[in-house]
Amino acid sequence: MDQQQRDELIQIIRELSYEEREVTLASGRKSNFYFDGKQTTLHARGGLLVGKAFYEEVKQFPGPIDGVGGLTLGADPIATATSIAAQLEGQDLAAFIIRKEPKGHGTGQWLEGRKNLPPGSRVVIVEDVTTTGGSSIKAVERAREEGLEVVGIVTLVDREEGARENIEGQGIALRAVLTRTQVVG
């Protein structure tokens, strides 16, 4: 991804995903701004740029990397876009989804895309936004319970509110495509 594409991604995030308003975050914290990453990741051009940006970040981890995924719903379009970006470069990188609750019927599984990722597969957890890192850590724990080796985490936007410290404190590498400062200025 060149600088022009990176600038374009920042502009899409500013236009579609950033809002200044009072919200309660997943962490329970109150904030006066909000990033709705799905508005960018589900946008045609935004999704393409996100896939390219995430694949570039995934390649920074020691390989091989077999898959990318995370907690539904924020991670779903990112995992798919990243998988497609990798395939366009001739690399196989499976996407997977971690359910918030096990499937209520059939296999009762937590992880979708299981057949593409045998036990021991090396994966990267993807997120649209990190605040404290709680959701990311939960995704890491669930992936490990499913027999996957988590190599690291990539987030679209790090809100710079403790996620890096909390995640890296658990011995897990965090890479951010962008930080709040880079998006908001």
N, C-alpha and C. Protein backbone atom coordinates (compact mmCIF):
# COMPACT_ATOMS: atom_id res chain seq x y z
N MET A 1 0.86 -1.18 0.00
CA MET A 1 0.00 0.00 0.00
C MET A 1 0.90 1.23 0.00
N ASP A 2 0.70 2.09 -0.96
CA ASP A 2 1.52 3.30 -1.04
C ASP A 2 0.90 4.42 -0.18
N GLN A 3 1.62 5.52 -0.07
CA GLN A 3 1.16 6.62 0.79
C GLN A 3 -0.18 7.20 0.32
N GLN A 4 -0.40 7.24 -0.99
CA GLN A 4 -1.67 7.76 -1.51
C GLN A 4 -2.83 6.88 -1.05
N GLN A 5 -2.66 5.56 -1.10
CA GLN A 5 -3.72 4.65 -0.65
C GLN A 5 -3.92 4.77 0.86
N ARG A 6 -2.83 4.92 1.60
CA ARG A 6 -2.92 5.09 3.05
C ARG A 6 -3.69 6.36 3.39
N ASP A 7 -3.38 7.45 2.69
CA ASP A 7 -4.10 8.71 2.91
C ASP A 7 -5.58 8.56 2.56
N GLU A 8 -5.84 7.82 1.50
CA GLU A 8 -7.23 7.58 1.09
C GLU A 8 -7.98 6.79 2.17
N LEU A 9 -7.32 5.79 2.74
CA LEU A 9 -7.93 5.00 3.81
C LEU A 9 -8.23 5.89 5.02
N ILE A 10 -7.30 6.73 5.39
CA ILE A 10 -7.53 7.65 6.52
C ILE A 10 -8.74 8.54 6.23
N GLN A 11 -8.84 9.03 5.01
CA GLN A 11 -9.97 9.90 4.64
C GLN A 11 -11.30 9.15 4.74
N ILE A 12 -11.32 7.90 4.28
CA ILE A 12 -12.55 7.10 4.37
C ILE A 12 -12.92 6.88 5.83
N ILE A 13 -11.94 6.56 6.67
CA ILE A 13 -12.20 6.36 8.09
C ILE A 13 -12.75 7.65 8.71
N ARG A 14 -12.14 8.78 8.39
CA ARG A 14 -12.63 10.06 8.94
C ARG A 14 -14.08 10.32 8.53
N GLU A 15 -14.38 10.05 7.26
CA GLU A 15 -15.72 10.35 6.75
C GLU A 15 -16.78 9.37 7.24
N LEU A 16 -16.44 8.08 7.31
CA LEU A 16 -17.44 7.06 7.58
C LEU A 16 -17.43 6.50 9.00
N SER A 17 -16.26 6.44 9.62
CA SER A 17 -16.15 5.70 10.88
C SER A 17 -15.92 6.53 12.12
N TYR A 18 -15.53 7.79 11.97
CA TYR A 18 -15.23 8.61 13.14
C TYR A 18 -16.37 9.56 13.45
N GLU A 19 -16.78 9.56 14.72
CA GLU A 19 -17.84 10.48 15.16
C GLU A 19 -17.46 11.06 16.50
N GLU A 20 -17.72 12.34 16.66
CA GLU A 20 -17.55 12.98 17.96
C GLU A 20 -18.92 13.03 18.62
N ARG A 21 -19.10 12.15 19.60
CA ARG A 21 -20.33 12.08 20.37
C ARG A 21 -20.08 11.22 21.60
N GLU A 22 -20.94 11.35 22.59
CA GLU A 22 -20.81 10.56 23.82
C GLU A 22 -21.22 9.12 23.55
N VAL A 23 -20.36 8.18 23.94
CA VAL A 23 -20.66 6.77 23.77
C VAL A 23 -20.11 5.98 24.95
N THR A 24 -20.68 4.79 25.15
CA THR A 24 -20.12 3.83 26.09
C THR A 24 -19.49 2.74 25.25
N LEU A 25 -18.21 2.50 25.46
CA LEU A 25 -17.45 1.54 24.66
C LEU A 25 -17.63 0.12 25.20
N ALA A 26 -17.18 -0.87 24.42
CA ALA A 26 -17.25 -2.27 24.83
C ALA A 26 -16.54 -2.48 26.17
N SER A 27 -15.52 -1.68 26.42
CA SER A 27 -14.76 -1.79 27.67
C SER A 27 -15.55 -1.26 28.86
N GLY A 28 -16.66 -0.59 28.59
CA GLY A 28 -17.45 0.03 29.65
C GLY A 28 -17.09 1.48 29.89
N ARG A 29 -16.00 1.92 29.29
CA ARG A 29 -15.57 3.31 29.43
C ARG A 29 -16.48 4.24 28.64
N LYS A 30 -16.58 5.46 29.13
CA LYS A 30 -17.29 6.52 28.40
C LYS A 30 -16.27 7.25 27.54
N SER A 31 -16.71 7.73 26.39
CA SER A 31 -15.82 8.46 25.50
C SER A 31 -16.61 9.53 24.78
N ASN A 32 -15.89 10.57 24.33
CA ASN A 32 -16.55 11.62 23.57
C ASN A 32 -16.31 11.46 22.07
N PHE A 33 -15.72 10.34 21.68
CA PHE A 33 -15.58 10.04 20.25
C PHE A 33 -15.70 8.54 20.03
N TYR A 34 -16.03 8.18 18.81
CA TYR A 34 -16.34 6.80 18.49
C TYR A 34 -15.79 6.46 17.12
N PHE A 35 -15.23 5.27 17.00
CA PHE A 35 -14.83 4.72 15.70
C PHE A 35 -15.73 3.54 15.41
N ASP A 36 -16.50 3.60 14.37
CA ASP A 36 -17.30 2.47 13.91
C ASP A 36 -16.58 1.89 12.70
N GLY A 37 -15.64 1.01 12.96
CA GLY A 37 -14.80 0.46 11.91
C GLY A 37 -15.56 -0.24 10.80
N LYS A 38 -16.72 -0.82 11.13
CA LYS A 38 -17.48 -1.55 10.12
C LYS A 38 -17.95 -0.65 8.97
N GLN A 39 -18.14 0.63 9.26
CA GLN A 39 -18.55 1.54 8.18
C GLN A 39 -17.46 1.63 7.11
N THR A 40 -16.21 1.51 7.52
CA THR A 40 -15.09 1.52 6.57
C THR A 40 -14.85 0.14 5.98
N THR A 41 -14.84 -0.89 6.82
CA THR A 41 -14.50 -2.24 6.33
C THR A 41 -15.58 -2.81 5.41
N LEU A 42 -16.80 -2.33 5.53
CA LEU A 42 -17.88 -2.80 4.66
C LEU A 42 -18.10 -1.90 3.43
N HIS A 43 -17.34 -0.83 3.34
CA HIS A 43 -17.36 0.07 2.18
C HIS A 43 -16.51 -0.58 1.09
N ALA A 44 -16.92 -0.51 -0.17
CA ALA A 44 -16.20 -1.21 -1.24
C ALA A 44 -14.73 -0.81 -1.30
N ARG A 45 -14.44 0.46 -1.43
CA ARG A 45 -13.04 0.90 -1.53
C ARG A 45 -12.35 0.77 -0.17
N GLY A 46 -13.07 1.12 0.89
CA GLY A 46 -12.50 0.99 2.23
C GLY A 46 -12.09 -0.44 2.54
N GLY A 47 -12.96 -1.39 2.18
CA GLY A 47 -12.66 -2.80 2.42
C GLY A 47 -11.43 -3.26 1.66
N LEU A 48 -11.31 -2.81 0.41
CA LEU A 48 -10.14 -3.16 -0.40
C LEU A 48 -8.86 -2.62 0.25
N LEU A 49 -8.89 -1.37 0.66
CA LEU A 49 -7.71 -0.76 1.27
C LEU A 49 -7.39 -1.39 2.62
N VAL A 50 -8.42 -1.73 3.38
CA VAL A 50 -8.22 -2.40 4.66
C VAL A 50 -7.54 -3.75 4.43
N GLY A 51 -8.01 -4.51 3.47
CA GLY A 51 -7.41 -5.82 3.18
C GLY A 51 -5.94 -5.69 2.84
N LYS A 52 -5.61 -4.73 1.99
CA LYS A 52 -4.21 -4.50 1.62
C LYS A 52 -3.38 -4.09 2.84
N ALA A 53 -3.90 -3.15 3.62
CA ALA A 53 -3.17 -2.65 4.79
C ALA A 53 -2.94 -3.77 5.81
N PHE A 54 -3.97 -4.56 6.07
CA PHE A 54 -3.83 -5.65 7.04
C PHE A 54 -2.86 -6.71 6.54
N TYR A 55 -2.91 -7.03 5.25
CA TYR A 55 -1.99 -8.04 4.75
C TYR A 55 -0.54 -7.56 4.89
N GLU A 56 -0.31 -6.29 4.66
CA GLU A 56 1.04 -5.73 4.86
C GLU A 56 1.48 -5.89 6.31
N GLU A 57 0.56 -5.65 7.26
CA GLU A 57 0.90 -5.80 8.67
C GLU A 57 1.12 -7.27 9.04
N VAL A 58 0.28 -8.15 8.52
CA VAL A 58 0.41 -9.59 8.81
C VAL A 58 1.77 -10.10 8.35
N LYS A 59 2.24 -9.60 7.21
CA LYS A 59 3.53 -10.05 6.68
C LYS A 59 4.69 -9.64 7.57
N GLN A 60 4.49 -8.72 8.51
CA GLN A 60 5.56 -8.28 9.40
C GLN A 60 5.83 -9.29 10.53
N PHE A 61 4.88 -10.20 10.76
CA PHE A 61 5.08 -11.23 11.78
C PHE A 61 5.94 -12.34 11.19
N PRO A 62 6.72 -13.03 12.04
CA PRO A 62 7.51 -14.15 11.53
C PRO A 62 6.57 -15.22 10.97
N GLY A 63 6.87 -15.71 9.80
CA GLY A 63 5.99 -16.65 9.12
C GLY A 63 6.34 -18.07 9.42
N PRO A 64 5.58 -18.98 8.85
CA PRO A 64 4.42 -18.70 8.01
C PRO A 64 3.18 -18.36 8.85
N ILE A 65 2.27 -17.64 8.24
CA ILE A 65 0.98 -17.34 8.86
C ILE A 65 -0.07 -18.07 8.03
N ASP A 66 -0.90 -18.86 8.71
CA ASP A 66 -1.88 -19.69 8.02
C ASP A 66 -3.26 -19.06 7.94
N GLY A 67 -3.59 -18.16 8.88
CA GLY A 67 -4.93 -17.60 8.88
C GLY A 67 -5.03 -16.30 9.64
N VAL A 68 -6.14 -15.60 9.38
CA VAL A 68 -6.48 -14.35 10.06
C VAL A 68 -7.95 -14.39 10.44
N GLY A 69 -8.24 -13.89 11.63
CA GLY A 69 -9.63 -13.84 12.05
C GLY A 69 -9.74 -13.24 13.42
N GLY A 70 -10.97 -13.19 13.91
CA GLY A 70 -11.20 -12.62 15.23
C GLY A 70 -12.65 -12.73 15.59
N LEU A 71 -13.02 -11.98 16.64
CA LEU A 71 -14.39 -12.04 17.14
C LEU A 71 -15.36 -11.43 16.14
N THR A 72 -16.45 -12.17 15.90
CA THR A 72 -17.50 -11.63 15.08
C THR A 72 -18.07 -10.41 15.80
N LEU A 73 -18.34 -9.38 15.24
CA LEU A 73 -18.69 -9.02 13.90
C LEU A 73 -17.62 -8.12 13.28
N GLY A 74 -16.90 -7.42 14.12
CA GLY A 74 -15.92 -6.46 13.62
C GLY A 74 -14.82 -7.09 12.79
N ALA A 75 -14.40 -8.30 13.16
CA ALA A 75 -13.29 -8.94 12.46
C ALA A 75 -13.70 -9.58 11.13
N ASP A 76 -14.97 -9.87 10.96
CA ASP A 76 -15.40 -10.66 9.80
C ASP A 76 -14.99 -10.05 8.46
N PRO A 77 -15.37 -8.80 8.15
CA PRO A 77 -14.97 -8.26 6.85
C PRO A 77 -13.46 -8.06 6.73
N ILE A 78 -12.79 -7.81 7.85
CA ILE A 78 -11.34 -7.62 7.81
C ILE A 78 -10.65 -8.92 7.45
N ALA A 79 -11.06 -10.01 8.09
CA ALA A 79 -10.44 -11.30 7.82
C ALA A 79 -10.63 -11.69 6.35
N THR A 80 -11.83 -11.50 5.84
CA THR A 80 -12.09 -11.84 4.44
C THR A 80 -11.27 -10.96 3.50
N ALA A 81 -11.27 -9.66 3.73
CA ALA A 81 -10.52 -8.74 2.86
C ALA A 81 -9.03 -9.05 2.90
N THR A 82 -8.50 -9.38 4.08
CA THR A 82 -7.08 -9.69 4.21
C THR A 82 -6.74 -10.99 3.48
N SER A 83 -7.62 -11.96 3.60
CA SER A 83 -7.43 -13.24 2.91
C SER A 83 -7.41 -13.04 1.39
N ILE A 84 -8.30 -12.21 0.90
CA ILE A 84 -8.37 -11.94 -0.55
C ILE A 84 -7.12 -11.16 -0.99
N ALA A 85 -6.70 -10.18 -0.20
CA ALA A 85 -5.49 -9.41 -0.54
C ALA A 85 -4.28 -10.34 -0.63
N ALA A 86 -4.19 -11.29 0.28
CA ALA A 86 -3.09 -12.26 0.25
C ALA A 86 -3.17 -13.12 -1.01
N GLN A 87 -4.36 -13.57 -1.34
CA GLN A 87 -4.53 -14.42 -2.51
C GLN A 87 -4.16 -13.68 -3.79
N LEU A 88 -4.47 -12.38 -3.85
CA LEU A 88 -4.10 -11.58 -5.01
C LEU A 88 -2.59 -11.49 -5.18
N GLU A 89 -1.85 -11.73 -4.08
CA GLU A 89 -0.39 -11.76 -4.14
C GLU A 89 0.13 -13.19 -4.21
N GLY A 90 -0.79 -14.15 -4.43
CA GLY A 90 -0.38 -15.54 -4.60
C GLY A 90 -0.17 -16.31 -3.31
N GLN A 91 -0.65 -15.77 -2.19
CA GLN A 91 -0.46 -16.44 -0.90
C GLN A 91 -1.79 -16.95 -0.36
N ASP A 92 -1.76 -18.15 0.20
CA ASP A 92 -2.94 -18.70 0.86
C ASP A 92 -2.97 -18.23 2.30
N LEU A 93 -4.04 -17.60 2.70
CA LEU A 93 -4.22 -17.10 4.05
C LEU A 93 -5.70 -17.25 4.37
N ALA A 94 -6.04 -18.26 5.14
CA ALA A 94 -7.44 -18.56 5.43
C ALA A 94 -8.04 -17.52 6.37
N ALA A 95 -9.30 -17.21 6.16
CA ALA A 95 -10.04 -16.36 7.08
C ALA A 95 -10.81 -17.25 8.05
N PHE A 96 -11.00 -16.77 9.27
CA PHE A 96 -11.83 -17.50 10.23
C PHE A 96 -12.59 -16.51 11.10
N ILE A 97 -13.65 -17.00 11.71
CA ILE A 97 -14.51 -16.18 12.56
C ILE A 97 -14.66 -16.87 13.91
N ILE A 98 -14.52 -16.11 14.98
CA ILE A 98 -14.74 -16.62 16.33
C ILE A 98 -16.11 -16.12 16.78
N ARG A 99 -16.98 -17.06 17.07
CA ARG A 99 -18.32 -16.71 17.54
C ARG A 99 -18.27 -16.14 18.95
N LYS A 100 -19.28 -15.34 19.30
CA LYS A 100 -19.36 -14.82 20.67
C LYS A 100 -19.92 -15.89 21.61
N GLU A 101 -20.69 -16.82 21.04
CA GLU A 101 -21.22 -17.97 21.78
C GLU A 101 -21.12 -19.17 20.86
N PRO A 102 -21.01 -20.38 21.42
CA PRO A 102 -20.92 -21.54 20.52
C PRO A 102 -22.19 -21.70 19.71
N LYS A 103 -22.03 -22.29 18.55
CA LYS A 103 -23.16 -22.53 17.67
C LYS A 103 -24.23 -23.29 18.45
N GLY A 104 -25.46 -22.84 18.37
CA GLY A 104 -26.54 -23.41 19.18
C GLY A 104 -27.06 -24.74 18.71
N HIS A 105 -26.61 -25.22 17.56
CA HIS A 105 -27.06 -26.51 17.04
C HIS A 105 -25.92 -27.15 16.27
N GLY A 106 -26.15 -28.36 15.82
CA GLY A 106 -25.12 -29.04 15.04
C GLY A 106 -23.88 -29.32 15.87
N THR A 107 -22.74 -28.78 15.43
CA THR A 107 -21.46 -29.09 16.06
C THR A 107 -21.20 -28.31 17.34
N GLY A 108 -21.93 -27.24 17.58
CA GLY A 108 -21.69 -26.42 18.77
C GLY A 108 -20.33 -25.74 18.75
N GLN A 109 -19.81 -25.50 17.56
CA GLN A 109 -18.45 -24.95 17.44
C GLN A 109 -18.38 -23.45 17.71
N TRP A 110 -17.19 -23.03 18.14
CA TRP A 110 -16.89 -21.64 18.39
C TRP A 110 -16.28 -20.97 17.17
N LEU A 111 -15.59 -21.75 16.36
CA LEU A 111 -14.79 -21.19 15.28
C LEU A 111 -15.32 -21.62 13.93
N GLU A 112 -15.58 -20.64 13.06
CA GLU A 112 -16.00 -20.92 11.69
C GLU A 112 -14.77 -20.86 10.78
N GLY A 113 -14.69 -21.78 9.83
CA GLY A 113 -13.53 -21.87 8.95
C GLY A 113 -12.52 -22.89 9.45
N ARG A 114 -12.94 -23.72 10.35
CA ARG A 114 -12.11 -24.70 11.05
C ARG A 114 -11.37 -25.64 10.09
N LYS A 115 -12.04 -26.08 9.03
CA LYS A 115 -11.41 -27.05 8.13
C LYS A 115 -10.21 -26.48 7.40
N ASN A 116 -10.11 -25.17 7.32
CA ASN A 116 -8.97 -24.54 6.67
C ASN A 116 -7.78 -24.38 7.61
N LEU A 117 -8.00 -24.63 8.90
CA LEU A 117 -6.97 -24.38 9.91
C LEU A 117 -6.85 -25.56 10.87
N PRO A 118 -6.03 -26.54 10.53
CA PRO A 118 -5.84 -27.66 11.45
C PRO A 118 -5.17 -27.21 12.75
N PRO A 119 -5.27 -27.98 13.82
CA PRO A 119 -4.60 -27.62 15.07
C PRO A 119 -3.12 -27.32 14.82
N GLY A 120 -2.64 -26.29 15.51
CA GLY A 120 -1.25 -25.88 15.33
C GLY A 120 -1.06 -24.81 14.28
N SER A 121 -2.11 -24.48 13.55
CA SER A 121 -2.01 -23.42 12.54
C SER A 121 -1.64 -22.11 13.21
N ARG A 122 -0.78 -21.35 12.54
CA ARG A 122 -0.32 -20.05 13.04
C ARG A 122 -1.23 -18.95 12.51
N VAL A 123 -1.82 -18.18 13.41
CA VAL A 123 -2.82 -17.20 13.01
C VAL A 123 -2.54 -15.83 13.62
N VAL A 124 -3.15 -14.82 13.00
CA VAL A 124 -3.13 -13.44 13.51
C VAL A 124 -4.58 -13.04 13.78
N ILE A 125 -4.81 -12.48 14.95
CA ILE A 125 -6.13 -11.97 15.32
C ILE A 125 -6.27 -10.57 14.73
N VAL A 126 -7.42 -10.28 14.13
CA VAL A 126 -7.67 -8.96 13.55
C VAL A 126 -8.85 -8.30 14.26
N GLU A 127 -8.77 -6.97 14.37
CA GLU A 127 -9.78 -6.16 15.05
C GLU A 127 -10.00 -4.89 14.25
N ASP A 128 -11.20 -4.30 14.37
CA ASP A 128 -11.40 -3.01 13.72
C ASP A 128 -10.91 -1.87 14.61
N VAL A 129 -11.16 -1.96 15.91
CA VAL A 129 -10.76 -0.90 16.83
C VAL A 129 -10.33 -1.55 18.15
N THR A 130 -9.24 -1.04 18.74
CA THR A 130 -8.85 -1.49 20.08
C THR A 130 -8.86 -0.30 21.02
N THR A 131 -9.37 -0.54 22.21
CA THR A 131 -9.39 0.49 23.25
C THR A 131 -8.49 0.01 24.40
N THR A 132 -9.00 -0.97 25.16
CA THR A 132 -8.21 -1.53 26.25
C THR A 132 -7.58 -2.87 25.85
N GLY A 133 -8.05 -3.45 24.75
CA GLY A 133 -7.52 -4.72 24.29
C GLY A 133 -8.28 -5.94 24.81
N GLY A 134 -9.33 -5.72 25.59
CA GLY A 134 -10.08 -6.83 26.17
C GLY A 134 -10.65 -7.79 25.15
N SER A 135 -11.24 -7.26 24.09
CA SER A 135 -11.82 -8.12 23.05
C SER A 135 -10.74 -8.90 22.33
N SER A 136 -9.62 -8.24 22.09
CA SER A 136 -8.51 -8.91 21.40
C SER A 136 -7.98 -10.07 22.24
N ILE A 137 -7.82 -9.84 23.52
CA ILE A 137 -7.31 -10.88 24.41
C ILE A 137 -8.30 -12.05 24.48
N LYS A 138 -9.59 -11.73 24.51
CA LYS A 138 -10.62 -12.77 24.50
C LYS A 138 -10.51 -13.61 23.22
N ALA A 139 -10.29 -12.96 22.08
CA ALA A 139 -10.15 -13.67 20.81
C ALA A 139 -8.91 -14.56 20.83
N VAL A 140 -7.82 -14.07 21.40
CA VAL A 140 -6.59 -14.86 21.50
C VAL A 140 -6.86 -16.11 22.33
N GLU A 141 -7.51 -15.94 23.47
CA GLU A 141 -7.79 -17.07 24.36
C GLU A 141 -8.65 -18.12 23.66
N ARG A 142 -9.69 -17.67 22.96
CA ARG A 142 -10.59 -18.61 22.28
C ARG A 142 -9.84 -19.33 21.15
N ALA A 143 -9.03 -18.61 20.38
CA ALA A 143 -8.27 -19.23 19.30
C ALA A 143 -7.31 -20.29 19.86
N ARG A 144 -6.67 -19.97 20.97
CA ARG A 144 -5.76 -20.94 21.59
C ARG A 144 -6.52 -22.17 22.07
N GLU A 145 -7.71 -21.96 22.64
CA GLU A 145 -8.53 -23.09 23.08
C GLU A 145 -8.90 -23.99 21.91
N GLU A 146 -8.96 -23.41 20.72
CA GLU A 146 -9.29 -24.16 19.51
C GLU A 146 -8.04 -24.79 18.88
N GLY A 147 -6.90 -24.68 19.56
CA GLY A 147 -5.69 -25.33 19.08
C GLY A 147 -4.86 -24.53 18.09
N LEU A 148 -5.16 -23.24 17.96
CA LEU A 148 -4.41 -22.39 17.04
C LEU A 148 -3.27 -21.70 17.79
N GLU A 149 -2.20 -21.44 17.08
CA GLU A 149 -1.07 -20.69 17.65
C GLU A 149 -1.21 -19.24 17.23
N VAL A 150 -1.45 -18.35 18.18
CA VAL A 150 -1.64 -16.93 17.88
C VAL A 150 -0.27 -16.25 17.84
N VAL A 151 0.03 -15.68 16.69
CA VAL A 151 1.32 -15.03 16.46
C VAL A 151 1.28 -13.56 16.87
N GLY A 152 0.11 -12.92 16.73
CA GLY A 152 -0.03 -11.52 17.08
C GLY A 152 -1.41 -11.02 16.76
N ILE A 153 -1.57 -9.71 16.92
CA ILE A 153 -2.86 -9.04 16.69
C ILE A 153 -2.60 -7.83 15.80
N VAL A 154 -3.54 -7.58 14.87
CA VAL A 154 -3.50 -6.35 14.07
C VAL A 154 -4.85 -5.66 14.24
N THR A 155 -4.82 -4.36 14.49
CA THR A 155 -6.03 -3.56 14.60
C THR A 155 -6.03 -2.47 13.54
N LEU A 156 -7.22 -2.10 13.09
CA LEU A 156 -7.32 -1.00 12.13
C LEU A 156 -6.98 0.32 12.81
N VAL A 157 -7.63 0.59 13.96
CA VAL A 157 -7.36 1.82 14.70
C VAL A 157 -7.13 1.49 16.17
N ASP A 158 -5.97 1.89 16.67
CA ASP A 158 -5.67 1.81 18.09
C ASP A 158 -6.09 3.15 18.70
N ARG A 159 -7.07 3.11 19.59
CA ARG A 159 -7.55 4.34 20.23
C ARG A 159 -6.52 4.94 21.18
N GLU A 160 -5.43 4.25 21.41
CA GLU A 160 -4.36 4.72 22.30
C GLU A 160 -4.85 4.94 23.73
N GLU A 161 -5.62 3.94 24.21
CA GLU A 161 -6.17 4.03 25.56
C GLU A 161 -5.81 2.79 26.39
N GLY A 162 -4.64 2.23 26.13
CA GLY A 162 -4.18 1.12 26.96
C GLY A 162 -4.12 -0.23 26.30
N ALA A 163 -4.67 -0.37 25.10
CA ALA A 163 -4.67 -1.68 24.43
C ALA A 163 -3.26 -2.21 24.23
N ARG A 164 -2.37 -1.38 23.72
CA ARG A 164 -0.99 -1.85 23.46
C ARG A 164 -0.35 -2.39 24.73
N GLU A 165 -0.45 -1.63 25.81
CA GLU A 165 0.16 -2.05 27.07
C GLU A 165 -0.46 -3.34 27.59
N ASN A 166 -1.79 -3.43 27.53
CA ASN A 166 -2.48 -4.62 28.03
C ASN A 166 -2.17 -5.86 27.19
N ILE A 167 -2.17 -5.70 25.88
CA ILE A 167 -1.93 -6.83 24.99
C ILE A 167 -0.47 -7.26 25.07
N GLU A 168 0.43 -6.31 24.97
CA GLU A 168 1.85 -6.65 25.02
C GLU A 168 2.25 -7.15 26.41
N GLY A 169 1.51 -6.73 27.44
CA GLY A 169 1.72 -7.24 28.79
C GLY A 169 1.39 -8.72 28.90
N GLN A 170 0.59 -9.22 27.97
CA GLN A 170 0.24 -10.64 27.91
C GLN A 170 1.24 -11.41 27.02
N GLY A 171 2.26 -10.69 26.54
CA GLY A 171 3.27 -11.33 25.69
C GLY A 171 2.84 -11.50 24.25
N ILE A 172 1.88 -10.69 23.81
CA ILE A 172 1.35 -10.78 22.44
C ILE A 172 1.70 -9.48 21.72
N ALA A 173 2.20 -9.59 20.50
CA ALA A 173 2.54 -8.40 19.71
C ALA A 173 1.27 -7.77 19.14
N LEU A 174 1.20 -6.45 19.19
CA LEU A 174 0.10 -5.69 18.58
C LEU A 174 0.66 -4.77 17.51
N ARG A 175 0.08 -4.85 16.33
CA ARG A 175 0.41 -3.92 15.24
C ARG A 175 -0.87 -3.15 14.92
N ALA A 176 -0.74 -1.85 14.73
CA ALA A 176 -1.89 -1.01 14.38
C ALA A 176 -1.68 -0.44 12.99
N VAL A 177 -2.69 -0.58 12.13
CA VAL A 177 -2.64 0.06 10.82
C VAL A 177 -2.55 1.56 11.04
N LEU A 178 -3.41 2.06 11.95
CA LEU A 178 -3.45 3.50 12.27
C LEU A 178 -3.70 3.68 13.77
N THR A 179 -3.32 4.83 14.26
CA THR A 179 -3.66 5.20 15.63
C THR A 179 -4.70 6.33 15.58
N ARG A 180 -5.34 6.53 16.72
CA ARG A 180 -6.31 7.64 16.82
C ARG A 180 -5.64 8.95 16.40
N THR A 181 -4.43 9.18 16.85
CA THR A 181 -3.72 10.41 16.52
C THR A 181 -3.55 10.57 15.01
N GLN A 182 -3.23 9.49 14.32
CA GLN A 182 -3.05 9.57 12.87
C GLN A 182 -4.36 9.85 12.14
N VAL A 183 -5.46 9.34 12.69
CA VAL A 183 -6.77 9.55 12.03
C VAL A 183 -7.34 10.92 12.35
N VAL A 184 -7.30 11.30 13.63
CA VAL A 184 -7.95 12.52 14.08
C VAL A 184 -7.02 13.72 13.96
N GLY A 185 -5.72 13.49 14.14
CA GLY A 185 -4.77 14.57 14.04
C GLY A 185 -4.44 15.20 15.35
